[in-house]
Amino acid sequence: MELSKPILLTDAAKQALKSMRIAYKLDEKHKVRVGMRGSGCGSSSYFLGFDIKTDKDDSYNIDGIEFLMQKGQMMHLLGYTIDFVEEASTKGFVFFAPER
């Protein structure tokens, strides 16, 4: 996987992010922030949202969408695929780990 694309996006995820940018009337200074949080007991959770770049961030253009990751986060997210699912009981972004 090339370094310029540390994560992959499904078409559904790309469309959802573009729709959210329009719905929330976000300008170009707002980028998509993706990262991981430790949640205790050895588990972790992933997050995705819009934010403004700081000096603590690396940025990546992934399929025409600017992503921000806090420096050092890429090693936790490398190879992940982000999808957007919309089913009767759930709606949101889902992170799929790479097969190793």
PDB file of N, CA and C in Angstrom:
ATOM      1  N   MET A   1       0.858  -1.179   0.000  1.00  0.00           N
ATOM      2  CA  MET A   1       0.000   0.000   0.000  1.00  0.00           C
ATOM      3  C   MET A   1       0.895   1.230   0.000  1.00  0.00           C
ATOM      4  N   GLU A   2       0.607   2.173  -0.880  1.00  0.00           N
ATOM      5  CA  GLU A   2       1.437   3.365  -0.945  1.00  0.00           C
ATOM      6  C   GLU A   2       1.206   4.259   0.269  1.00  0.00           C
ATOM      7  N   LEU A   3       2.258   4.942   0.692  1.00  0.00           N
ATOM      8  CA  LEU A   3       2.196   5.784   1.887  1.00  0.00           C
ATOM      9  C   LEU A   3       1.180   6.908   1.741  1.00  0.00           C
ATOM     10  N   SER A   4       0.938   7.367   0.515  1.00  0.00           N
ATOM     11  CA  SER A   4      -0.020   8.452   0.330  1.00  0.00           C
ATOM     12  C   SER A   4      -1.450   7.983   0.598  1.00  0.00           C
ATOM     13  N   LYS A   5      -1.676   6.679   0.695  1.00  0.00           N
ATOM     14  CA  LYS A   5      -2.992   6.113   0.981  1.00  0.00           C
ATOM     15  C   LYS A   5      -2.883   5.084   2.104  1.00  0.00           C
ATOM     16  N   PRO A   6      -2.723   5.535   3.331  1.00  0.00           N
ATOM     17  CA  PRO A   6      -2.563   4.568   4.426  1.00  0.00           C
ATOM     18  C   PRO A   6      -3.845   3.807   4.748  1.00  0.00           C
ATOM     19  N   ILE A   7      -5.005   4.372   4.369  1.00  0.00           N
ATOM     20  CA  ILE A   7      -6.284   3.688   4.570  1.00  0.00           C
ATOM     21  C   ILE A   7      -7.021   3.654   3.244  1.00  0.00           C
ATOM     22  N   LEU A   8      -8.010   2.785   3.164  1.00  0.00           N
ATOM     23  CA  LEU A   8      -8.839   2.659   1.971  1.00  0.00           C
ATOM     24  C   LEU A   8     -10.266   3.072   2.314  1.00  0.00           C
ATOM     25  N   LEU A   9     -10.972   3.574   1.319  1.00  0.00           N
ATOM     26  CA  LEU A   9     -12.373   3.976   1.493  1.00  0.00           C
ATOM     27  C   LEU A   9     -13.240   3.246   0.486  1.00  0.00           C
ATOM     28  N   THR A  10     -14.389   2.797   0.938  1.00  0.00           N
ATOM     29  CA  THR A  10     -15.351   2.244  -0.003  1.00  0.00           C
ATOM     30  C   THR A  10     -16.077   3.412  -0.675  1.00  0.00           C
ATOM     31  N   ASP A  11     -16.753   3.131  -1.770  1.00  0.00           N
ATOM     32  CA  ASP A  11     -17.533   4.170  -2.452  1.00  0.00           C
ATOM     33  C   ASP A  11     -18.603   4.738  -1.526  1.00  0.00           C
ATOM     34  N   ALA A  12     -19.213   3.877  -0.709  1.00  0.00           N
ATOM     35  CA  ALA A  12     -20.247   4.341   0.230  1.00  0.00           C
ATOM     36  C   ALA A  12     -19.664   5.317   1.251  1.00  0.00           C
ATOM     37  N   ALA A  13     -18.452   5.059   1.735  1.00  0.00           N
ATOM     38  CA  ALA A  13     -17.804   5.956   2.698  1.00  0.00           C
ATOM     39  C   ALA A  13     -17.479   7.294   2.049  1.00  0.00           C
ATOM     40  N   LYS A  14     -16.951   7.264   0.820  1.00  0.00           N
ATOM     41  CA  LYS A  14     -16.638   8.512   0.116  1.00  0.00           C
ATOM     42  C   LYS A  14     -17.895   9.361  -0.063  1.00  0.00           C
ATOM     43  N   GLN A  15     -18.973   8.727  -0.492  1.00  0.00           N
ATOM     44  CA  GLN A  15     -20.211   9.469  -0.718  1.00  0.00           C
ATOM     45  C   GLN A  15     -20.767  10.034   0.592  1.00  0.00           C
ATOM     46  N   ALA A  16     -20.708   9.270   1.663  1.00  0.00           N
ATOM     47  CA  ALA A  16     -21.201   9.741   2.964  1.00  0.00           C
ATOM     48  C   ALA A  16     -20.393  10.941   3.450  1.00  0.00           C
ATOM     49  N   LEU A  17     -19.079  10.908   3.301  1.00  0.00           N
ATOM     50  CA  LEU A  17     -18.240  12.027   3.730  1.00  0.00           C
ATOM     51  C   LEU A  17     -18.536  13.285   2.917  1.00  0.00           C
ATOM     52  N   LYS A  18     -18.712  13.119   1.608  1.00  0.00           N
ATOM     53  CA  LYS A  18     -19.032  14.268   0.753  1.00  0.00           C
ATOM     54  C   LYS A  18     -20.399  14.844   1.115  1.00  0.00           C
ATOM     55  N   SER A  19     -21.366  13.976   1.381  1.00  0.00           N
ATOM     56  CA  SER A  19     -22.713  14.425   1.769  1.00  0.00           C
ATOM     57  C   SER A  19     -22.686  15.147   3.112  1.00  0.00           C
ATOM     58  N   MET A  20     -21.899  14.649   4.051  1.00  0.00           N
ATOM     59  CA  MET A  20     -21.795  15.284   5.367  1.00  0.00           C
ATOM     60  C   MET A  20     -21.170  16.670   5.258  1.00  0.00           C
ATOM     61  N   ARG A  21     -20.154  16.806   4.421  1.00  0.00           N
ATOM     62  CA  ARG A  21     -19.507  18.109   4.232  1.00  0.00           C
ATOM     63  C   ARG A  21     -20.535  19.136   3.753  1.00  0.00           C
ATOM     64  N   ILE A  22     -21.376  18.741   2.829  1.00  0.00           N
ATOM     65  CA  ILE A  22     -22.414  19.633   2.298  1.00  0.00           C
ATOM     66  C   ILE A  22     -23.480  19.903   3.359  1.00  0.00           C
ATOM     67  N   ALA A  23     -23.949  18.861   4.024  1.00  0.00           N
ATOM     68  CA  ALA A  23     -25.023  19.006   5.021  1.00  0.00           C
ATOM     69  C   ALA A  23     -24.614  19.915   6.172  1.00  0.00           C
ATOM     70  N   TYR A  24     -23.359  19.827   6.603  1.00  0.00           N
ATOM     71  CA  TYR A  24     -22.875  20.642   7.722  1.00  0.00           C
ATOM     72  C   TYR A  24     -22.260  21.965   7.268  1.00  0.00           C
ATOM     73  N   LYS A  25     -22.292  22.210   5.942  1.00  0.00           N
ATOM     74  CA  LYS A  25     -21.786  23.463   5.365  1.00  0.00           C
ATOM     75  C   LYS A  25     -20.349  23.750   5.798  1.00  0.00           C
ATOM     76  N   LEU A  26     -19.503  22.730   5.672  1.00  0.00           N
ATOM     77  CA  LEU A  26     -18.100  22.856   6.071  1.00  0.00           C
ATOM     78  C   LEU A  26     -17.272  23.382   4.904  1.00  0.00           C
ATOM     79  N   ASP A  27     -16.350  24.279   5.198  1.00  0.00           N
ATOM     80  CA  ASP A  27     -15.485  24.803   4.143  1.00  0.00           C
ATOM     81  C   ASP A  27     -14.250  23.913   3.997  1.00  0.00           C
ATOM     82  N   GLU A  28     -13.376  24.321   3.079  1.00  0.00           N
ATOM     83  CA  GLU A  28     -12.216  23.495   2.747  1.00  0.00           C
ATOM     84  C   GLU A  28     -11.179  23.394   3.863  1.00  0.00           C
ATOM     85  N   LYS A  29     -11.214  24.283   4.854  1.00  0.00           N
ATOM     86  CA  LYS A  29     -10.238  24.167   5.944  1.00  0.00           C
ATOM     87  C   LYS A  29     -10.571  22.987   6.862  1.00  0.00           C
ATOM     88  N   HIS A  30     -11.803  22.493   6.809  1.00  0.00           N
ATOM     89  CA  HIS A  30     -12.197  21.325   7.596  1.00  0.00           C
ATOM     90  C   HIS A  30     -11.854  20.062   6.820  1.00  0.00           C
ATOM     91  N   LYS A  31     -11.029  19.236   7.429  1.00  0.00           N
ATOM     92  CA  LYS A  31     -10.596  17.968   6.839  1.00  0.00           C
ATOM     93  C   LYS A  31     -11.208  16.824   7.634  1.00  0.00           C
ATOM     94  N   VAL A  32     -11.108  15.625   7.108  1.00  0.00           N
ATOM     95  CA  VAL A  32     -11.632  14.452   7.799  1.00  0.00           C
ATOM     96  C   VAL A  32     -10.550  13.930   8.739  1.00  0.00           C
ATOM     97  N   ARG A  33     -10.841  13.918  10.027  1.00  0.00           N
ATOM     98  CA  ARG A  33      -9.894  13.391  11.016  1.00  0.00           C
ATOM     99  C   ARG A  33     -10.265  11.947  11.305  1.00  0.00           C
ATOM    100  N   VAL A  34      -9.251  11.085  11.268  1.00  0.00           N
ATOM    101  CA  VAL A  34      -9.431   9.677  11.583  1.00  0.00           C
ATOM    102  C   VAL A  34      -8.357   9.287  12.585  1.00  0.00           C
ATOM    103  N   GLY A  35      -8.716   8.432  13.526  1.00  0.00           N
ATOM    104  CA  GLY A  35      -7.752   8.035  14.536  1.00  0.00           C
ATOM    105  C   GLY A  35      -8.234   6.882  15.380  1.00  0.00           C
ATOM    106  N   MET A  36      -7.437   6.567  16.381  1.00  0.00           N
ATOM    107  CA  MET A  36      -7.718   5.458  17.282  1.00  0.00           C
ATOM    108  C   MET A  36      -7.563   5.948  18.719  1.00  0.00           C
ATOM    109  N   ARG A  37      -8.426   5.464  19.578  1.00  0.00           N
ATOM    110  CA  ARG A  37      -8.344   5.750  21.014  1.00  0.00           C
ATOM    111  C   ARG A  37      -8.267   4.427  21.762  1.00  0.00           C
ATOM    112  N   GLY A  38      -7.420   4.389  22.756  1.00  0.00           N
ATOM    113  CA  GLY A  38      -7.425   3.243  23.651  1.00  0.00           C
ATOM    114  C   GLY A  38      -8.609   3.390  24.585  1.00  0.00           C
ATOM    115  N   SER A  39      -9.319   2.306  24.826  1.00  0.00           N
ATOM    116  CA  SER A  39     -10.496   2.409  25.688  1.00  0.00           C
ATOM    117  C   SER A  39     -10.401   1.506  26.907  1.00  0.00           C
ATOM    118  N   GLY A  40      -9.201   1.164  27.288  1.00  0.00           N
ATOM    119  CA  GLY A  40      -9.016   0.338  28.483  1.00  0.00           C
ATOM    120  C   GLY A  40      -9.170  -1.140  28.189  1.00  0.00           C
ATOM    121  N   CYS A  41      -8.714  -1.935  29.096  1.00  0.00           N
ATOM    122  CA  CYS A  41      -8.812  -3.403  29.002  1.00  0.00           C
ATOM    123  C   CYS A  41      -8.223  -3.938  27.703  1.00  0.00           C
ATOM    124  N   GLY A  42      -7.248  -3.238  27.152  1.00  0.00           N
ATOM    125  CA  GLY A  42      -6.577  -3.719  25.949  1.00  0.00           C
ATOM    126  C   GLY A  42      -7.348  -3.532  24.669  1.00  0.00           C
ATOM    127  N   SER A  43      -8.498  -2.901  24.722  1.00  0.00           N
ATOM    128  CA  SER A  43      -9.259  -2.689  23.491  1.00  0.00           C
ATOM    129  C   SER A  43      -9.092  -1.253  23.020  1.00  0.00           C
ATOM    130  N   SER A  44      -9.496  -1.000  21.802  1.00  0.00           N
ATOM    131  CA  SER A  44      -9.407   0.340  21.259  1.00  0.00           C
ATOM    132  C   SER A  44     -10.622   0.618  20.397  1.00  0.00           C
ATOM    133  N   SER A  45     -10.858   1.892  20.151  1.00  0.00           N
ATOM    134  CA  SER A  45     -11.961   2.280  19.279  1.00  0.00           C
ATOM    135  C   SER A  45     -11.433   3.272  18.254  1.00  0.00           C
ATOM    136  N   TYR A  46     -12.111   3.346  17.146  1.00  0.00           N
ATOM    137  CA  TYR A  46     -11.702   4.209  16.051  1.00  0.00           C
ATOM    138  C   TYR A  46     -12.712   5.333  15.919  1.00  0.00           C
ATOM    139  N   PHE A  47     -12.234   6.485  15.442  1.00  0.00           N
ATOM    140  CA  PHE A  47     -13.141   7.610  15.282  1.00  0.00           C
ATOM    141  C   PHE A  47     -12.895   8.298  13.944  1.00  0.00           C
ATOM    142  N   LEU A  48     -13.905   9.027  13.507  1.00  0.00           N
ATOM    143  CA  LEU A  48     -13.852   9.753  12.254  1.00  0.00           C
ATOM    144  C   LEU A  48     -14.740  10.976  12.395  1.00  0.00           C
ATOM    145  N   GLY A  49     -14.272  12.135  11.975  1.00  0.00           N
ATOM    146  CA  GLY A  49     -15.053  13.359  12.046  1.00  0.00           C
ATOM    147  C   GLY A  49     -14.336  14.471  11.298  1.00  0.00           C
ATOM    148  N   PHE A  50     -14.877  15.657  11.312  1.00  0.00           N
ATOM    149  CA  PHE A  50     -14.269  16.798  10.625  1.00  0.00           C
ATOM    150  C   PHE A  50     -13.531  17.671  11.623  1.00  0.00           C
ATOM    151  N   ASP A  51     -12.377  18.204  11.201  1.00  0.00           N
ATOM    152  CA  ASP A  51     -11.552  19.014  12.093  1.00  0.00           C
ATOM    153  C   ASP A  51     -10.631  19.891  11.248  1.00  0.00           C
ATOM    154  N   ILE A  52      -9.936  20.785  11.913  1.00  0.00           N
ATOM    155  CA  ILE A  52      -8.975  21.675  11.265  1.00  0.00           C
ATOM    156  C   ILE A  52      -7.571  21.188  11.603  1.00  0.00           C
ATOM    157  N   LYS A  53      -6.685  21.214  10.620  1.00  0.00           N
ATOM    158  CA  LYS A  53      -5.322  20.705  10.785  1.00  0.00           C
ATOM    159  C   LYS A  53      -4.538  21.520  11.816  1.00  0.00           C
ATOM    160  N   THR A  54      -3.760  20.786  12.615  1.00  0.00           N
ATOM    161  CA  THR A  54      -2.834  21.403  13.569  1.00  0.00           C
ATOM    162  C   THR A  54      -1.418  20.952  13.223  1.00  0.00           C
ATOM    163  N   ASP A  55      -0.435  21.484  13.933  1.00  0.00           N
ATOM    164  CA  ASP A  55       0.952  21.085  13.679  1.00  0.00           C
ATOM    165  C   ASP A  55       1.250  19.676  14.190  1.00  0.00           C
ATOM    166  N   LYS A  56       0.312  19.058  14.876  1.00  0.00           N
ATOM    167  CA  LYS A  56       0.486  17.688  15.371  1.00  0.00           C
ATOM    168  C   LYS A  56      -0.035  16.651  14.384  1.00  0.00           C
ATOM    169  N   ASP A  57      -0.493  17.108  13.212  1.00  0.00           N
ATOM    170  CA  ASP A  57      -1.145  16.224  12.247  1.00  0.00           C
ATOM    171  C   ASP A  57      -0.304  15.960  11.017  1.00  0.00           C
ATOM    172  N   ASP A  58      -0.479  14.766  10.469  1.00  0.00           N
ATOM    173  CA  ASP A  58      -0.058  14.442   9.111  1.00  0.00           C
ATOM    174  C   ASP A  58      -1.323  14.508   8.274  1.00  0.00           C
ATOM    175  N   SER A  59      -1.184  14.848   7.001  1.00  0.00           N
ATOM    176  CA  SER A  59      -2.368  14.880   6.140  1.00  0.00           C
ATOM    177  C   SER A  59      -2.142  13.998   4.925  1.00  0.00           C
ATOM    178  N   TYR A  60      -3.227  13.427   4.433  1.00  0.00           N
ATOM    179  CA  TYR A  60      -3.200  12.505   3.305  1.00  0.00           C
ATOM    180  C   TYR A  60      -4.388  12.794   2.412  1.00  0.00           C
ATOM    181  N   ASN A  61      -4.152  12.817   1.107  1.00  0.00           N
ATOM    182  CA  ASN A  61      -5.236  12.932   0.153  1.00  0.00           C
ATOM    183  C   ASN A  61      -5.588  11.517  -0.283  1.00  0.00           C
ATOM    184  N   ILE A  62      -6.776  11.095   0.094  1.00  0.00           N
ATOM    185  CA  ILE A  62      -7.215   9.739  -0.212  1.00  0.00           C
ATOM    186  C   ILE A  62      -8.450   9.836  -1.089  1.00  0.00           C
ATOM    187  N   ASP A  63      -8.268   9.507  -2.354  1.00  0.00           N
ATOM    188  CA  ASP A  63      -9.357   9.550  -3.332  1.00  0.00           C
ATOM    189  C   ASP A  63     -10.025  10.919  -3.383  1.00  0.00           C
ATOM    190  N   GLY A  64      -9.222  11.975  -3.308  1.00  0.00           N
ATOM    191  CA  GLY A  64      -9.751  13.332  -3.410  1.00  0.00           C
ATOM    192  C   GLY A  64     -10.292  13.914  -2.120  1.00  0.00           C
ATOM    193  N   ILE A  65     -10.159  13.190  -1.018  1.00  0.00           N
ATOM    194  CA  ILE A  65     -10.633  13.654   0.286  1.00  0.00           C
ATOM    195  C   ILE A  65      -9.419  13.837   1.184  1.00  0.00           C
ATOM    196  N   GLU A  66      -9.301  15.022   1.804  1.00  0.00           N
ATOM    197  CA  GLU A  66      -8.169  15.294   2.693  1.00  0.00           C
ATOM    198  C   GLU A  66      -8.430  14.707   4.081  1.00  0.00           C
ATOM    199  N   PHE A  67      -7.518  13.845   4.517  1.00  0.00           N
ATOM    200  CA  PHE A  67      -7.603  13.211   5.830  1.00  0.00           C
ATOM    201  C   PHE A  67      -6.507  13.729   6.741  1.00  0.00           C
ATOM    202  N   LEU A  68      -6.817  13.844   8.021  1.00  0.00           N
ATOM    203  CA  LEU A  68      -5.857  14.199   9.051  1.00  0.00           C
ATOM    204  C   LEU A  68      -5.682  13.017   9.993  1.00  0.00           C
ATOM    205  N   MET A  69      -4.442  12.769  10.366  1.00  0.00           N
ATOM    206  CA  MET A  69      -4.137  11.779  11.404  1.00  0.00           C
ATOM    207  C   MET A  69      -3.108  12.411  12.314  1.00  0.00           C
ATOM    208  N   GLN A  70      -3.318  12.289  13.592  1.00  0.00           N
ATOM    209  CA  GLN A  70      -2.312  12.768  14.529  1.00  0.00           C
ATOM    210  C   GLN A  70      -1.037  11.968  14.282  1.00  0.00           C
ATOM    211  N   LYS A  71       0.091  12.659  14.294  1.00  0.00           N
ATOM    212  CA  LYS A  71       1.369  11.981  14.044  1.00  0.00           C
ATOM    213  C   LYS A  71       1.487  10.752  14.949  1.00  0.00           C
ATOM    214  N   GLY A  72       1.896   9.657  14.378  1.00  0.00           N
ATOM    215  CA  GLY A  72       2.033   8.418  15.126  1.00  0.00           C
ATOM    216  C   GLY A  72       0.811   7.507  15.043  1.00  0.00           C
ATOM    217  N   GLN A  73      -0.313   8.014  14.537  1.00  0.00           N
ATOM    218  CA  GLN A  73      -1.526   7.197  14.447  1.00  0.00           C
ATOM    219  C   GLN A  73      -1.515   6.265  13.232  1.00  0.00           C
ATOM    220  N   MET A  74      -0.762   6.630  12.195  1.00  0.00           N
ATOM    221  CA  MET A  74      -0.809   5.840  10.970  1.00  0.00           C
ATOM    222  C   MET A  74      -0.459   4.378  11.227  1.00  0.00           C
ATOM    223  N   MET A  75       0.485   4.121  12.116  1.00  0.00           N
ATOM    224  CA  MET A  75       0.883   2.728  12.353  1.00  0.00           C
ATOM    225  C   MET A  75      -0.281   1.895  12.891  1.00  0.00           C
ATOM    226  N   HIS A  76      -1.269   2.543  13.522  1.00  0.00           N
ATOM    227  CA  HIS A  76      -2.433   1.822  14.038  1.00  0.00           C
ATOM    228  C   HIS A  76      -3.522   1.648  12.988  1.00  0.00           C
ATOM    229  N   LEU A  77      -3.492   2.465  11.943  1.00  0.00           N
ATOM    230  CA  LEU A  77      -4.564   2.472  10.948  1.00  0.00           C
ATOM    231  C   LEU A  77      -4.139   1.955   9.581  1.00  0.00           C
ATOM    232  N   LEU A  78      -2.864   1.701   9.389  1.00  0.00           N
ATOM    233  CA  LEU A  78      -2.335   1.305   8.087  1.00  0.00           C
ATOM    234  C   LEU A  78      -3.053   0.067   7.548  1.00  0.00           C
ATOM    235  N   GLY A  79      -3.606   0.208   6.362  1.00  0.00           N
ATOM    236  CA  GLY A  79      -4.276  -0.912   5.707  1.00  0.00           C
ATOM    237  C   GLY A  79      -5.744  -1.075   6.027  1.00  0.00           C
ATOM    238  N   TYR A  80      -6.269  -0.296   6.971  1.00  0.00           N
ATOM    239  CA  TYR A  80      -7.689  -0.395   7.304  1.00  0.00           C
ATOM    240  C   TYR A  80      -8.551   0.097   6.152  1.00  0.00           C
ATOM    241  N   THR A  81      -9.737  -0.456   6.043  1.00  0.00           N
ATOM    242  CA  THR A  81     -10.745   0.005   5.096  1.00  0.00           C
ATOM    243  C   THR A  81     -11.889   0.598   5.892  1.00  0.00           C
ATOM    244  N   ILE A  82     -12.353   1.770   5.458  1.00  0.00           N
ATOM    245  CA  ILE A  82     -13.495   2.416   6.104  1.00  0.00           C
ATOM    246  C   ILE A  82     -14.685   2.328   5.163  1.00  0.00           C
ATOM    247  N   ASP A  83     -15.786   1.835   5.684  1.00  0.00           N
ATOM    248  CA  ASP A  83     -17.029   1.689   4.926  1.00  0.00           C
ATOM    249  C   ASP A  83     -18.119   2.484   5.638  1.00  0.00           C
ATOM    250  N   PHE A  84     -19.194   2.751   4.937  1.00  0.00           N
ATOM    251  CA  PHE A  84     -20.371   3.373   5.542  1.00  0.00           C
ATOM    252  C   PHE A  84     -21.525   2.418   5.334  1.00  0.00           C
ATOM    253  N   VAL A  85     -22.172   2.026   6.432  1.00  0.00           N
ATOM    254  CA  VAL A  85     -23.302   1.100   6.343  1.00  0.00           C
ATOM    255  C   VAL A  85     -24.574   1.802   6.797  1.00  0.00           C
ATOM    256  N   GLU A  86     -25.643   1.441   6.144  1.00  0.00           N
ATOM    257  CA  GLU A  86     -26.952   1.987   6.491  1.00  0.00           C
ATOM    258  C   GLU A  86     -27.948   0.841   6.409  1.00  0.00           C
ATOM    259  N   GLU A  87     -28.302   0.349   7.583  1.00  0.00           N
ATOM    260  CA  GLU A  87     -29.229  -0.767   7.685  1.00  0.00           C
ATOM    261  C   GLU A  87     -30.371  -0.365   8.599  1.00  0.00           C
ATOM    262  N   ALA A  88     -31.328  -1.225   8.752  1.00  0.00           N
ATOM    263  CA  ALA A  88     -32.501  -0.905   9.569  1.00  0.00           C
ATOM    264  C   ALA A  88     -32.132  -0.538  11.002  1.00  0.00           C
ATOM    265  N   SER A  89     -31.154  -1.233  11.572  1.00  0.00           N
ATOM    266  CA  SER A  89     -30.835  -1.023  12.980  1.00  0.00           C
ATOM    267  C   SER A  89     -29.584  -0.178  13.230  1.00  0.00           C
ATOM    268  N   THR A  90     -28.833   0.146  12.179  1.00  0.00           N
ATOM    269  CA  THR A  90     -27.593   0.892  12.381  1.00  0.00           C
ATOM    270  C   THR A  90     -27.255   1.730  11.157  1.00  0.00           C
ATOM    271  N   LYS A  91     -26.527   2.798  11.412  1.00  0.00           N
ATOM    272  CA  LYS A  91     -26.072   3.681  10.339  1.00  0.00           C
ATOM    273  C   LYS A  91     -24.774   4.324  10.806  1.00  0.00           C
ATOM    274  N   GLY A  92     -23.719   4.182  10.028  1.00  0.00           N
ATOM    275  CA  GLY A  92     -22.471   4.814  10.408  1.00  0.00           C
ATOM    276  C   GLY A  92     -21.267   4.217   9.713  1.00  0.00           C
ATOM    277  N   PHE A  93     -20.108   4.724  10.113  1.00  0.00           N
ATOM    278  CA  PHE A  93     -18.850   4.279   9.542  1.00  0.00           C
ATOM    279  C   PHE A  93     -18.350   3.050  10.285  1.00  0.00           C
ATOM    280  N   VAL A  94     -17.782   2.121   9.526  1.00  0.00           N
ATOM    281  CA  VAL A  94     -17.259   0.874  10.072  1.00  0.00           C
ATOM    282  C   VAL A  94     -15.813   0.729   9.608  1.00  0.00           C
ATOM    283  N   PHE A  95     -14.933   0.348  10.528  1.00  0.00           N
ATOM    284  CA  PHE A  95     -13.515   0.148  10.231  1.00  0.00           C
ATOM    285  C   PHE A  95     -13.248  -1.347  10.131  1.00  0.00           C
ATOM    286  N   PHE A  96     -12.626  -1.749   9.026  1.00  0.00           N
ATOM    287  CA  PHE A  96     -12.269  -3.150   8.823  1.00  0.00           C
ATOM    288  C   PHE A  96     -10.747  -3.277   8.830  1.00  0.00           C
ATOM    289  N   ALA A  97     -10.249  -4.138   9.708  1.00  0.00           N
ATOM    290  CA  ALA A  97      -8.809  -4.357   9.829  1.00  0.00           C
ATOM    291  C   ALA A  97      -8.295  -5.102   8.598  1.00  0.00           C
ATOM    292  N   PRO A  98      -7.046  -4.831   8.224  1.00  0.00           N
ATOM    293  CA  PRO A  98      -6.474  -5.569   7.101  1.00  0.00           C
ATOM    294  C   PRO A  98      -6.214  -7.010   7.490  1.00  0.00           C
ATOM    295  N   GLU A  99      -6.260  -7.860   6.476  1.00  0.00           N
ATOM    296  CA  GLU A  99      -5.898  -9.264   6.730  1.00  0.00           C
ATOM    297  C   GLU A  99      -4.388  -9.340   6.834  1.00  0.00           C
ATOM    298  N   ARG A 100      -3.898  -9.973   7.860  1.00  0.00           N
ATOM    299  CA  ARG A 100      -2.442 -10.055   8.067  1.00  0.00           C
ATOM    300  C   ARG A 100      -2.000 -11.491   8.028  1.00  0.00           C
TER     301      ARG A 100
END
